[in-house]
Amino acid sequence: MPNRTTARRRFDSAGFTRAAGIALPIILFAAMLLFAILVSLRYANG
């Protein structure tokens, strides 16, 4: 039983790190894109 719990814990941590590694670049890219759009809109309006 304890082996199964440790394995499950390891699997959860590995899945979380993998999801974070996949999502972080996407979030950073989306944030940069949003910032660029906002800046361009501000310059276009002003």
PDB file of N, CA and C in Angstrom:
ATOM      1  N   MET A   1       0.819  -1.215   0.000  1.00  0.00           N
ATOM      2  CA  MET A   1       0.000   0.000   0.000  1.00  0.00           C
ATOM      3  C   MET A   1       0.862   1.278   0.000  1.00  0.00           C
ATOM      4  N   PRO A   2       1.866   1.375   0.880  1.00  0.00           N
ATOM      5  CA  PRO A   2       2.667   2.606   0.864  1.00  0.00           C
ATOM      6  C   PRO A   2       3.397   2.798  -0.463  1.00  0.00           C
ATOM      7  N   ASN A   3       3.783   1.699  -1.101  1.00  0.00           N
ATOM      8  CA  ASN A   3       4.444   1.837  -2.398  1.00  0.00           C
ATOM      9  C   ASN A   3       3.500   2.460  -3.425  1.00  0.00           C
ATOM     10  N   ARG A   4       2.234   2.052  -3.359  1.00  0.00           N
ATOM     11  CA  ARG A   4       1.266   2.587  -4.308  1.00  0.00           C
ATOM     12  C   ARG A   4       1.062   4.081  -4.066  1.00  0.00           C
ATOM     13  N   THR A   5       1.000   4.500  -2.796  1.00  0.00           N
ATOM     14  CA  THR A   5       0.795   5.921  -2.497  1.00  0.00           C
ATOM     15  C   THR A   5       2.001   6.738  -2.956  1.00  0.00           C
ATOM     16  N   THR A   6       3.211   6.251  -2.701  1.00  0.00           N
ATOM     17  CA  THR A   6       4.400   6.991  -3.132  1.00  0.00           C
ATOM     18  C   THR A   6       4.448   7.079  -4.655  1.00  0.00           C
ATOM     19  N   ALA A   7       4.082   6.002  -5.331  1.00  0.00           N
ATOM     20  CA  ALA A   7       4.074   6.014  -6.787  1.00  0.00           C
ATOM     21  C   ALA A   7       3.058   7.041  -7.284  1.00  0.00           C
ATOM     22  N   ARG A   8       1.887   7.054  -6.650  1.00  0.00           N
ATOM     23  CA  ARG A   8       0.862   8.011  -7.071  1.00  0.00           C
ATOM     24  C   ARG A   8       1.351   9.444  -6.826  1.00  0.00           C
ATOM     25  N   ARG A   9       2.028   9.653  -5.694  1.00  0.00           N
ATOM     26  CA  ARG A   9       2.529  10.992  -5.390  1.00  0.00           C
ATOM     27  C   ARG A   9       3.566  11.410  -6.425  1.00  0.00           C
ATOM     28  N   ARG A  10       4.459  10.483  -6.770  1.00  0.00           N
ATOM     29  CA  ARG A  10       5.470  10.801  -7.786  1.00  0.00           C
ATOM     30  C   ARG A  10       4.811  11.108  -9.127  1.00  0.00           C
ATOM     31  N   PHE A  11       3.808  10.323  -9.483  1.00  0.00           N
ATOM     32  CA  PHE A  11       3.132  10.535 -10.762  1.00  0.00           C
ATOM     33  C   PHE A  11       2.449  11.909 -10.784  1.00  0.00           C
ATOM     34  N   ASP A  12       1.814  12.288  -9.665  1.00  0.00           N
ATOM     35  CA  ASP A  12       1.145  13.594  -9.608  1.00  0.00           C
ATOM     36  C   ASP A  12       2.158  14.718  -9.758  1.00  0.00           C
ATOM     37  N   SER A  13       3.291  14.615  -9.055  1.00  0.00           N
ATOM     38  CA  SER A  13       4.294  15.676  -9.144  1.00  0.00           C
ATOM     39  C   SER A  13       4.850  15.755 -10.566  1.00  0.00           C
ATOM     40  N   ALA A  14       5.106  14.605 -11.176  1.00  0.00           N
ATOM     41  CA  ALA A  14       5.638  14.603 -12.537  1.00  0.00           C
ATOM     42  C   ALA A  14       4.620  15.203 -13.507  1.00  0.00           C
ATOM     43  N   GLY A  15       3.351  14.838 -13.360  1.00  0.00           N
ATOM     44  CA  GLY A  15       2.323  15.403 -14.227  1.00  0.00           C
ATOM     45  C   GLY A  15       2.199  16.907 -14.034  1.00  0.00           C
ATOM     46  N   PHE A  16       2.331  17.361 -12.787  1.00  0.00           N
ATOM     47  CA  PHE A  16       2.225  18.801 -12.531  1.00  0.00           C
ATOM     48  C   PHE A  16       3.390  19.545 -13.165  1.00  0.00           C
ATOM     49  N   THR A  17       4.595  19.025 -13.009  1.00  0.00           N
ATOM     50  CA  THR A  17       5.750  19.691 -13.605  1.00  0.00           C
ATOM     51  C   THR A  17       5.642  19.691 -15.126  1.00  0.00           C
ATOM     52  N   ARG A  18       5.144  18.585 -15.693  1.00  0.00           N
ATOM     53  CA  ARG A  18       4.988  18.531 -17.156  1.00  0.00           C
ATOM     54  C   ARG A  18       3.949  19.545 -17.618  1.00  0.00           C
ATOM     55  N   ALA A  19       2.826  19.639 -16.896  1.00  0.00           N
ATOM     56  CA  ALA A  19       1.786  20.604 -17.263  1.00  0.00           C
ATOM     57  C   ALA A  19       2.314  22.020 -17.128  1.00  0.00           C
ATOM     58  N   ALA A  20       3.076  22.285 -16.064  1.00  0.00           N
ATOM     59  CA  ALA A  20       3.631  23.625 -15.876  1.00  0.00           C
ATOM     60  C   ALA A  20       4.621  23.945 -16.989  1.00  0.00           C
ATOM     61  N   GLY A  21       5.454  22.978 -17.351  1.00  0.00           N
ATOM     62  CA  GLY A  21       6.415  23.204 -18.428  1.00  0.00           C
ATOM     63  C   GLY A  21       5.736  23.465 -19.759  1.00  0.00           C
ATOM     64  N   ILE A  22       4.565  22.878 -19.962  1.00  0.00           N
ATOM     65  CA  ILE A  22       3.837  23.104 -21.215  1.00  0.00           C
ATOM     66  C   ILE A  22       3.068  24.423 -21.159  1.00  0.00           C
ATOM     67  N   ALA A  23       2.497  24.755 -19.987  1.00  0.00           N
ATOM     68  CA  ALA A  23       1.608  25.912 -19.897  1.00  0.00           C
ATOM     69  C   ALA A  23       2.378  27.216 -19.720  1.00  0.00           C
ATOM     70  N   LEU A  24       3.500  27.185 -19.021  1.00  0.00           N
ATOM     71  CA  LEU A  24       4.219  28.437 -18.738  1.00  0.00           C
ATOM     72  C   LEU A  24       4.633  29.176 -20.008  1.00  0.00           C
ATOM     73  N   PRO A  25       5.277  28.526 -20.988  1.00  0.00           N
ATOM     74  CA  PRO A  25       5.628  29.258 -22.219  1.00  0.00           C
ATOM     75  C   PRO A  25       4.409  29.802 -22.940  1.00  0.00           C
ATOM     76  N   ILE A  26       3.297  29.039 -22.932  1.00  0.00           N
ATOM     77  CA  ILE A  26       2.081  29.509 -23.594  1.00  0.00           C
ATOM     78  C   ILE A  26       1.554  30.748 -22.887  1.00  0.00           C
ATOM     79  N   ILE A  27       1.549  30.727 -21.545  1.00  0.00           N
ATOM     80  CA  ILE A  27       1.056  31.882 -20.783  1.00  0.00           C
ATOM     81  C   ILE A  27       1.964  33.089 -21.025  1.00  0.00           C
ATOM     82  N   LEU A  28       3.272  32.864 -21.014  1.00  0.00           N
ATOM     83  CA  LEU A  28       4.209  33.977 -21.254  1.00  0.00           C
ATOM     84  C   LEU A  28       3.999  34.549 -22.655  1.00  0.00           C
ATOM     85  N   PHE A  29       3.841  33.675 -23.658  1.00  0.00           N
ATOM     86  CA  PHE A  29       3.638  34.139 -25.026  1.00  0.00           C
ATOM     87  C   PHE A  29       2.336  34.920 -25.137  1.00  0.00           C
ATOM     88  N   ALA A  30       1.264  34.426 -24.486  1.00  0.00           N
ATOM     89  CA  ALA A  30      -0.022  35.122 -24.533  1.00  0.00           C
ATOM     90  C   ALA A  30       0.081  36.477 -23.843  1.00  0.00           C
ATOM     91  N   ALA A  31       0.807  36.539 -22.728  1.00  0.00           N
ATOM     92  CA  ALA A  31       0.956  37.814 -22.015  1.00  0.00           C
ATOM     93  C   ALA A  31       1.724  38.810 -22.878  1.00  0.00           C
ATOM     94  N   MET A  32       2.802  38.361 -23.534  1.00  0.00           N
ATOM     95  CA  MET A  32       3.565  39.254 -24.404  1.00  0.00           C
ATOM     96  C   MET A  32       2.711  39.726 -25.572  1.00  0.00           C
ATOM     97  N   LEU A  33       1.906  38.823 -26.134  1.00  0.00           N
ATOM     98  CA  LEU A  33       1.042  39.201 -27.248  1.00  0.00           C
ATOM     99  C   LEU A  33       0.022  40.240 -26.800  1.00  0.00           C
ATOM    100  N   LEU A  34      -0.597  40.001 -25.626  1.00  0.00           N
ATOM    101  CA  LEU A  34      -1.573  40.957 -25.099  1.00  0.00           C
ATOM    102  C   LEU A  34      -0.921  42.309 -24.874  1.00  0.00           C
ATOM    103  N   PHE A  35       0.275  42.317 -24.292  1.00  0.00           N
ATOM    104  CA  PHE A  35       0.976  43.579 -24.029  1.00  0.00           C
ATOM    105  C   PHE A  35       1.263  44.312 -25.344  1.00  0.00           C
ATOM    106  N   ALA A  36       1.702  43.571 -26.356  1.00  0.00           N
ATOM    107  CA  ALA A  36       1.991  44.194 -27.646  1.00  0.00           C
ATOM    108  C   ALA A  36       0.718  44.774 -28.261  1.00  0.00           C
ATOM    109  N   ILE A  37      -0.393  44.055 -28.153  1.00  0.00           N
ATOM    110  CA  ILE A  37      -1.663  44.551 -28.707  1.00  0.00           C
ATOM    111  C   ILE A  37      -2.098  45.813 -27.972  1.00  0.00           C
ATOM    112  N   LEU A  38      -1.981  45.793 -26.647  1.00  0.00           N
ATOM    113  CA  LEU A  38      -2.382  46.977 -25.875  1.00  0.00           C
ATOM    114  C   LEU A  38      -1.509  48.177 -26.236  1.00  0.00           C
ATOM    115  N   VAL A  39      -0.219  47.975 -26.359  1.00  0.00           N
ATOM    116  CA  VAL A  39       0.684  49.082 -26.704  1.00  0.00           C
ATOM    117  C   VAL A  39       0.359  49.613 -28.094  1.00  0.00           C
ATOM    118  N   SER A  40       0.134  48.718 -29.052  1.00  0.00           N
ATOM    119  CA  SER A  40      -0.179  49.161 -30.417  1.00  0.00           C
ATOM    120  C   SER A  40      -1.506  49.921 -30.440  1.00  0.00           C
ATOM    121  N   LEU A  41      -2.481  49.437 -29.673  1.00  0.00           N
ATOM    122  CA  LEU A  41      -3.769  50.140 -29.619  1.00  0.00           C
ATOM    123  C   LEU A  41      -3.596  51.522 -28.999  1.00  0.00           C
ATOM    124  N   ARG A  42      -2.796  51.609 -27.953  1.00  0.00           N
ATOM    125  CA  ARG A  42      -2.581  52.899 -27.304  1.00  0.00           C
ATOM    126  C   ARG A  42      -1.910  53.873 -28.271  1.00  0.00           C
ATOM    127  N   TYR A  43      -0.912  53.399 -29.029  1.00  0.00           N
ATOM    128  CA  TYR A  43      -0.240  54.265 -29.980  1.00  0.00           C
ATOM    129  C   TYR A  43      -1.175  54.634 -31.132  1.00  0.00           C
ATOM    130  N   ALA A  44      -2.025  53.711 -31.544  1.00  0.00           N
ATOM    131  CA  ALA A  44      -2.953  53.993 -32.637  1.00  0.00           C
ATOM    132  C   ALA A  44      -3.988  55.030 -32.201  1.00  0.00           C
ATOM    133  N   ASN A  45      -4.434  54.936 -30.953  1.00  0.00           N
ATOM    134  CA  ASN A  45      -5.434  55.887 -30.472  1.00  0.00           C
ATOM    135  C   ASN A  45      -4.798  57.239 -30.175  1.00  0.00           C
ATOM    136  N   GLY A  46      -3.635  57.219 -29.545  1.00  0.00           N
ATOM    137  CA  GLY A  46      -3.028  58.468 -29.122  1.00  0.00           C
ATOM    138  C   GLY A  46      -2.246  59.119 -30.233  1.00  0.00           C
TER     139      GLY A  46
END
